[in-house]
Amino acid sequence: MKKRVKQAVACLLLAVAACLVAIGLADGGFSDVAEKARVICYECIGVG
């Protein structure tokens, strides 16, 4: 019975995580993160 509960919790957490990722992508979060990563990389190599 314990294994079944652990599997149910894992599936629930996976579903919640997938929903949050989808919401973030729909909200334009990817472009924000990509821009910040680009700026950080340019600063690391001394360009920006």
Protein backbone atom coordinates (compact mmCIF):
# COMPACT_ATOMS: atom_id res chain seq x y z
CA MET A 1 0.00 0.00 0.00
CA LYS A 2 2.85 2.42 0.78
CA LYS A 3 4.32 2.02 -2.69
CA ARG A 4 0.98 2.88 -4.25
CA VAL A 5 0.69 6.07 -2.19
CA LYS A 6 4.23 7.12 -3.14
CA GLN A 7 3.42 6.58 -6.81
CA ALA A 8 0.23 8.62 -6.52
CA VAL A 9 2.07 11.49 -4.84
CA ALA A 10 4.81 11.38 -7.48
CA CYS A 11 2.24 11.49 -10.29
CA LEU A 12 0.43 14.37 -8.64
CA LEU A 13 3.65 16.36 -8.23
CA LEU A 14 4.60 15.68 -11.84
CA ALA A 15 1.21 16.91 -13.03
CA VAL A 16 1.46 20.06 -10.91
CA ALA A 17 4.99 20.73 -12.19
CA ALA A 18 3.87 20.29 -15.80
CA CYS A 19 0.99 22.73 -15.25
CA LEU A 20 3.31 25.32 -13.72
CA VAL A 21 5.77 24.99 -16.61
CA ALA A 22 2.94 25.43 -19.09
CA ILE A 23 1.69 28.53 -17.26
CA GLY A 24 5.20 29.99 -17.21
CA LEU A 25 5.67 29.39 -20.93
CA ALA A 26 2.29 30.89 -21.74
CA ASP A 27 3.13 33.95 -19.64
CA GLY A 28 6.33 34.59 -21.60
CA GLY A 29 8.67 33.43 -18.87
CA PHE A 30 11.00 31.73 -21.31
CA SER A 31 11.95 34.94 -23.06
CA ASP A 32 12.68 36.63 -19.71
CA VAL A 33 14.95 33.81 -18.60
CA ALA A 34 16.68 33.61 -21.98
CA GLU A 35 17.40 37.35 -21.94
CA LYS A 36 18.83 37.21 -18.43
CA ALA A 37 21.01 34.23 -19.37
CA ARG A 38 22.29 36.05 -22.43
CA VAL A 39 23.23 39.11 -20.35
CA ILE A 40 25.00 36.99 -17.74
CA CYS A 41 26.96 35.10 -20.40
CA TYR A 42 28.05 38.33 -22.09
CA GLU A 43 29.17 39.73 -18.73
CA CYS A 44 31.16 36.57 -17.97
CA ILE A 45 33.16 36.79 -21.17
CA GLY A 46 33.61 40.54 -20.82
CA VAL A 47 31.53 41.69 -23.79
CA GLY A 48 28.68 43.40 -21.99
